[in-house]
């Protein structure tokens, strides 16, 4: 999957607030601290309901 939105951090980890509405909980191997609270593009795959394992995060 390839999705854009705003990267948010909460007590449970990271979320992508999607440009198209809704949100995904993200499973990340690396912590993208430079991208928190910014618009990003993620690439990865669905592993559950609204859960995405991310292989890459970049500025959008």
N, C-alpha and C. Protein backbone atom coordinates (compact mmCIF):
# COMPACT_ATOMS: atom_id res chain seq x y z
N UNK A 1 0.83 -1.18 0.00
CA UNK A 1 0.00 0.00 0.00
C UNK A 1 0.87 1.24 0.00
N UNK A 2 0.34 2.30 -0.49
CA UNK A 2 1.02 3.59 -0.57
C UNK A 2 -0.01 4.63 -0.15
N UNK A 3 0.26 5.32 0.95
CA UNK A 3 -0.76 6.22 1.54
C UNK A 3 -0.09 7.50 2.04
N UNK A 4 -0.81 8.62 1.97
CA UNK A 4 -0.30 9.88 2.49
C UNK A 4 -1.20 10.38 3.61
N UNK A 5 -0.59 11.19 4.50
CA UNK A 5 -1.34 11.76 5.60
C UNK A 5 -0.39 12.40 6.59
N UNK A 6 -0.91 12.70 7.78
CA UNK A 6 -0.12 13.33 8.83
C UNK A 6 0.31 12.28 9.85
N UNK A 7 1.60 12.24 10.14
CA UNK A 7 2.14 11.28 11.10
C UNK A 7 1.98 11.83 12.51
N UNK A 8 1.29 11.06 13.36
CA UNK A 8 1.05 11.47 14.74
C UNK A 8 1.64 10.44 15.69
N UNK A 9 1.97 10.89 16.90
CA UNK A 9 2.47 9.98 17.93
C UNK A 9 1.56 10.08 19.14
N UNK A 10 1.24 8.91 19.73
CA UNK A 10 0.47 8.89 20.97
C UNK A 10 1.13 7.90 21.92
N UNK A 11 0.49 7.63 23.04
CA UNK A 11 1.08 6.75 24.06
C UNK A 11 1.30 5.34 23.55
N UNK A 12 0.51 4.91 22.57
CA UNK A 12 0.62 3.54 22.05
C UNK A 12 1.57 3.42 20.87
N UNK A 13 2.04 4.54 20.33
CA UNK A 13 2.95 4.48 19.18
C UNK A 13 2.62 5.54 18.15
N UNK A 14 2.57 5.11 16.88
CA UNK A 14 2.38 6.05 15.78
C UNK A 14 1.09 5.78 15.02
N UNK A 15 0.50 6.87 14.51
CA UNK A 15 -0.71 6.81 13.70
C UNK A 15 -0.48 7.61 12.43
N UNK A 16 -1.14 7.20 11.36
CA UNK A 16 -1.21 8.01 10.16
C UNK A 16 -2.63 8.51 10.04
N UNK A 17 -2.80 9.82 10.15
CA UNK A 17 -4.11 10.44 9.93
C UNK A 17 -4.20 10.65 8.42
N UNK A 18 -4.98 9.81 7.76
CA UNK A 18 -4.99 9.74 6.30
C UNK A 18 -5.60 10.97 5.64
N UNK A 19 -5.03 11.36 4.50
CA UNK A 19 -5.57 12.47 3.72
C UNK A 19 -7.01 12.19 3.31
N UNK A 20 -7.33 10.94 3.02
CA UNK A 20 -8.66 10.56 2.57
C UNK A 20 -9.65 10.32 3.70
N UNK A 21 -9.23 10.55 4.94
CA UNK A 21 -10.10 10.32 6.09
C UNK A 21 -9.75 9.03 6.80
N UNK A 22 -9.96 8.99 8.08
CA UNK A 22 -9.64 7.81 8.88
C UNK A 22 -8.18 7.82 9.31
N UNK A 23 -7.79 6.75 9.98
CA UNK A 23 -6.43 6.65 10.49
C UNK A 23 -5.97 5.20 10.49
N UNK A 24 -4.67 5.02 10.40
CA UNK A 24 -4.04 3.70 10.52
C UNK A 24 -3.10 3.71 11.71
N UNK A 25 -3.11 2.66 12.51
CA UNK A 25 -2.09 2.42 13.52
C UNK A 25 -0.89 1.86 12.77
N UNK A 26 0.31 2.38 13.04
CA UNK A 26 1.49 1.97 12.29
C UNK A 26 2.42 1.11 13.13
N UNK A 27 2.94 0.07 12.51
CA UNK A 27 3.98 -0.77 13.08
C UNK A 27 5.26 -0.39 12.34
N UNK A 28 6.21 0.21 13.05
CA UNK A 28 7.42 0.74 12.43
C UNK A 28 8.66 0.05 12.98
N UNK A 29 9.60 -0.26 12.10
CA UNK A 29 10.87 -0.83 12.53
C UNK A 29 11.83 0.27 12.97
N UNK A 30 11.67 1.46 12.39
CA UNK A 30 12.48 2.62 12.77
C UNK A 30 11.55 3.72 13.28
N UNK A 31 12.05 4.54 14.18
CA UNK A 31 11.25 5.63 14.73
C UNK A 31 11.51 6.89 13.90
N UNK A 32 10.51 7.36 13.16
CA UNK A 32 10.69 8.51 12.26
C UNK A 32 10.49 9.85 12.97
N UNK A 33 11.33 10.17 13.95
CA UNK A 33 11.12 11.36 14.77
C UNK A 33 11.12 12.65 13.96
N UNK A 34 11.85 12.71 12.85
CA UNK A 34 11.91 13.92 12.03
C UNK A 34 10.61 14.19 11.30
N UNK A 35 9.74 13.19 11.18
CA UNK A 35 8.51 13.32 10.41
C UNK A 35 7.25 13.47 11.28
N UNK A 36 7.38 13.42 12.60
CA UNK A 36 6.21 13.50 13.49
C UNK A 36 5.54 14.87 13.33
N UNK A 37 4.21 14.86 13.25
CA UNK A 37 3.38 16.05 13.08
C UNK A 37 3.54 16.68 11.70
N UNK A 38 4.06 15.94 10.74
CA UNK A 38 4.23 16.43 9.37
C UNK A 38 3.49 15.53 8.40
N UNK A 39 3.30 16.03 7.19
CA UNK A 39 2.65 15.24 6.14
C UNK A 39 3.69 14.29 5.55
N UNK A 40 3.32 13.01 5.47
CA UNK A 40 4.25 11.98 5.01
C UNK A 40 3.57 11.04 4.02
N UNK A 41 4.39 10.25 3.36
CA UNK A 41 3.93 9.13 2.53
C UNK A 41 4.52 7.87 3.15
N UNK A 42 3.65 6.88 3.37
CA UNK A 42 4.13 5.60 3.89
C UNK A 42 3.96 4.52 2.83
N UNK A 43 4.83 3.54 2.89
CA UNK A 43 4.70 2.35 2.05
C UNK A 43 4.78 1.15 2.98
N UNK A 44 3.88 0.20 2.77
CA UNK A 44 3.84 -0.97 3.62
C UNK A 44 2.70 -1.87 3.24
N UNK A 45 2.21 -2.67 4.20
CA UNK A 45 1.12 -3.61 3.92
C UNK A 45 0.23 -3.74 5.14
N UNK A 46 -1.06 -4.00 4.86
CA UNK A 46 -2.04 -4.20 5.94
C UNK A 46 -1.74 -5.51 6.66
N UNK A 47 -1.75 -5.47 8.00
CA UNK A 47 -1.57 -6.70 8.78
C UNK A 47 -2.75 -6.93 9.72
N UNK A 48 -3.73 -6.04 9.67
CA UNK A 48 -4.92 -6.17 10.51
C UNK A 48 -5.86 -5.02 10.22
N UNK A 49 -6.97 -4.98 10.96
CA UNK A 49 -7.93 -3.88 10.79
C UNK A 49 -7.27 -2.55 11.14
N UNK A 50 -7.11 -1.70 10.15
CA UNK A 50 -6.52 -0.37 10.33
C UNK A 50 -5.12 -0.42 10.95
N UNK A 51 -4.39 -1.51 10.72
CA UNK A 51 -3.01 -1.63 11.18
C UNK A 51 -2.13 -1.88 9.96
N UNK A 52 -1.05 -1.09 9.86
CA UNK A 52 -0.16 -1.19 8.71
C UNK A 52 1.27 -1.40 9.20
N UNK A 53 1.94 -2.41 8.66
CA UNK A 53 3.37 -2.57 8.90
C UNK A 53 4.08 -1.76 7.84
N UNK A 54 4.89 -0.81 8.28
CA UNK A 54 5.49 0.17 7.38
C UNK A 54 6.92 -0.22 7.05
N UNK A 55 7.24 -0.19 5.74
CA UNK A 55 8.62 -0.43 5.33
C UNK A 55 9.34 0.87 5.00
N UNK A 56 8.59 1.97 4.81
CA UNK A 56 9.22 3.24 4.52
C UNK A 56 8.33 4.43 4.84
N UNK A 57 8.97 5.51 5.33
CA UNK A 57 8.29 6.77 5.62
C UNK A 57 9.12 7.87 4.97
N UNK A 58 8.46 8.76 4.22
CA UNK A 58 9.15 9.88 3.58
C UNK A 58 8.25 11.11 3.63
N UNK A 59 8.87 12.27 3.53
CA UNK A 59 8.09 13.51 3.46
C UNK A 59 7.24 13.49 2.20
N UNK A 60 6.03 14.01 2.31
CA UNK A 60 5.12 14.02 1.14
C UNK A 60 5.12 15.38 0.48
